C-alpha atoms as a PDB file:
ATOM      1  CA  MET A   1      95.903 -61.491 -52.832  1.00  0.00           C
ATOM      2  CA  PRO A   2      95.702 -65.068 -53.154  1.00  0.00           C
ATOM      3  CA  ASP A   3      96.308 -67.413 -56.020  1.00  0.00           C
ATOM      4  CA  GLU A   4      93.180 -69.090 -56.682  1.00  0.00           C
ATOM      5  CA  ALA A   5      91.485 -64.947 -57.036  1.00  0.00           C
ATOM      6  CA  LYS A   6      93.751 -64.305 -59.207  1.00  0.00           C
ATOM      7  CA  LYS A   7      92.435 -63.866 -63.174  1.00  0.00           C
ATOM      8  CA  PRO A   8      94.763 -64.607 -66.154  1.00  0.00           C
ATOM      9  CA  ILE A   9      95.209 -61.882 -68.389  1.00  0.00           C
ATOM     10  CA  PRO A  10      93.493 -62.630 -71.985  1.00  0.00           C
ATOM     11  CA  LEU A  11      96.749 -62.365 -74.410  1.00  0.00           C
ATOM     12  CA  GLY A  12      96.529 -62.187 -77.858  1.00  0.00           C
ATOM     13  CA  ARG A  13      99.365 -63.040 -80.843  1.00  0.00           C
ATOM     14  CA  LEU A  14     101.470 -60.554 -82.765  1.00  0.00           C
ATOM     15  CA  GLU A  15     101.116 -61.490 -86.122  1.00  0.00           C
ATOM     16  CA  SER A  16     103.884 -60.463 -89.578  1.00  0.00           C
ATOM     17  CA  VAL A  17     101.494 -59.115 -92.372  1.00  0.00           C
ATOM     18  CA  PRO A  18     102.245 -57.553 -95.492  1.00  0.00           C
ATOM     19  CA  VAL A  19     101.848 -53.131 -94.994  1.00  0.00           C
ATOM     20  CA  ARG A  20      99.885 -54.083 -98.464  1.00  0.00           C
ATOM     21  CA  ASP A  21      96.896 -56.152 -96.683  1.00  0.00           C
ATOM     22  CA  VAL A  22      96.379 -53.098 -94.193  1.00  0.00           C
ATOM     23  CA  MET A  23      97.548 -50.058 -96.149  1.00  0.00           C
ATOM     24  CA  PRO A  24      97.267 -50.774 -99.627  1.00  0.00           C
ATOM     25  CA  HIS A  25      97.534 -47.073-100.573  1.00  0.00           C
ATOM     26  CA  GLU A  26     100.571 -45.602 -99.542  1.00  0.00           C
ATOM     27  CA  ALA A  27      99.138 -41.481 -99.852  1.00  0.00           C
ATOM     28  CA  TYR A  28      95.629 -42.843 -98.353  1.00  0.00           C
ATOM     29  CA  ASP A  29      96.205 -45.094 -95.881  1.00  0.00           C
ATOM     30  CA  PHE A  30      99.555 -45.084 -94.558  1.00  0.00           C
ATOM     31  CA  THR A  31      99.927 -40.865 -95.141  1.00  0.00           C
ATOM     32  CA  VAL A  32      96.886 -40.624 -92.954  1.00  0.00           C
ATOM     33  CA  TRP A  33      97.637 -42.527 -90.767  1.00  0.00           C
ATOM     34  CA  LEU A  34     100.959 -41.268 -89.893  1.00  0.00           C
ATOM     35  CA  ALA A  35     100.171 -37.655 -89.549  1.00  0.00           C
ATOM     36  CA  GLN A  36      98.089 -38.704 -86.936  1.00  0.00           C
ATOM     37  CA  PRO A  37      99.963 -37.214 -83.385  1.00  0.00           C
ATOM     38  CA  GLU A  38      99.466 -41.198 -81.440  1.00  0.00           C
ATOM     39  CA  ASN A  39     101.123 -42.567 -84.782  1.00  0.00           C
ATOM     40  CA  LEU A  40     103.926 -40.144 -85.107  1.00  0.00           C
ATOM     41  CA  SER A  41     105.001 -40.518 -81.920  1.00  0.00           C
ATOM     42  CA  LEU A  42     104.705 -44.498 -82.042  1.00  0.00           C
ATOM     43  CA  LEU A  43     106.852 -44.305 -84.607  1.00  0.00           C
ATOM     44  CA  GLY A  44     109.179 -42.004 -82.727  1.00  0.00           C
ATOM     45  CA  VAL A  45     109.406 -44.459 -80.123  1.00  0.00           C
ATOM     46  CA  ALA A  46     110.727 -47.426 -83.088  1.00  0.00           C
ATOM     47  CA  ILE A  47     113.079 -45.220 -84.363  1.00  0.00           C
ATOM     48  CA  GLY A  48     114.535 -43.608 -80.833  1.00  0.00           C
ATOM     49  CA  LEU A  49     113.800 -39.938 -82.338  1.00  0.00           C
ATOM     50  CA  THR A  50     111.082 -37.421 -80.594  1.00  0.00           C
ATOM     51  CA  LEU A  51     109.019 -36.760 -83.551  1.00  0.00           C
ATOM     52  CA  GLU A  52     106.041 -33.556 -84.023  1.00  0.00           C
ATOM     53  CA  PRO A  53     104.244 -33.072 -86.505  1.00  0.00           C
ATOM     54  CA  THR A  54     104.628 -29.969 -88.536  1.00  0.00           C
ATOM     55  CA  ALA A  55     102.809 -30.437 -91.746  1.00  0.00           C
ATOM     56  CA  THR A  56     100.567 -32.025 -94.014  1.00  0.00           C
ATOM     57  CA  GLU A  57     100.375 -30.837 -97.455  1.00  0.00           C
ATOM     58  CA  VAL A  58      98.280 -31.703 -99.836  1.00  0.00           C
ATOM     59  CA  GLY A  59      98.920 -31.081-103.757  1.00  0.00           C
ATOM     60  CA  ALA A  60      96.555 -31.001-106.598  1.00  0.00           C
ATOM     61  CA  SER A  61      96.698 -33.806-107.513  1.00  0.00           C
ATOM     62  CA  ARG A  62      94.843 -36.828-105.369  1.00  0.00           C
ATOM     63  CA  SER A  63      97.868 -38.448-104.653  1.00  0.00           C
ATOM     64  CA  SER A  64      99.778 -35.964-103.743  1.00  0.00           C
ATOM     65  CA  ARG A  65     100.217 -36.230-100.244  1.00  0.00           C
ATOM     66  CA  ARG A  66     103.228 -35.309 -97.891  1.00  0.00           C
ATOM     67  CA  THR A  67     103.849 -35.376 -94.265  1.00  0.00           C
ATOM     68  CA  TRP A  68     106.243 -33.564 -93.459  1.00  0.00           C
ATOM     69  CA  SER A  69     107.977 -34.296 -89.387  1.00  0.00           C
ATOM     70  CA  ALA A  70     110.983 -32.702 -87.034  1.00  0.00           C
ATOM     71  CA  GLU A  71     112.995 -33.791 -84.267  1.00  0.00           C
ATOM     72  CA  PRO A  72     112.320 -30.485 -81.962  1.00  0.00           C
ATOM     73  CA  SER A  73     115.417 -30.413 -81.508  1.00  0.00           C
ATOM     74  CA  THR A  74     116.648 -29.543 -84.984  1.00  0.00           C
ATOM     75  CA  ILE A  75     113.013 -27.946 -86.760  1.00  0.00           C
ATOM     76  CA  THR A  76     114.217 -29.781 -90.304  1.00  0.00           C
ATOM     77  CA  PRO A  77     111.451 -30.897 -91.659  1.00  0.00           C
ATOM     78  CA  TRP A  78     112.056 -34.131 -93.559  1.00  0.00           C
ATOM     79  CA  SER A  79     109.725 -37.061 -95.148  1.00  0.00           C
END
């Protein structure tokens, strides 16, 4: 393809933001986000592990939420 036919790819800029600006409440924002398989996978890539969701607990109180994950080779849940 000739150079004059190439269109530049629009790129954005990564910006560091305080996590509480994006997810103000851990139980209602971060835990819910982390419980989604695609987001757990992103975390696994970042820390070098293959993670699979094994359970998400919702306790009696509104603030009691926990996501359990396991590396498939160990199948030992951790939070």
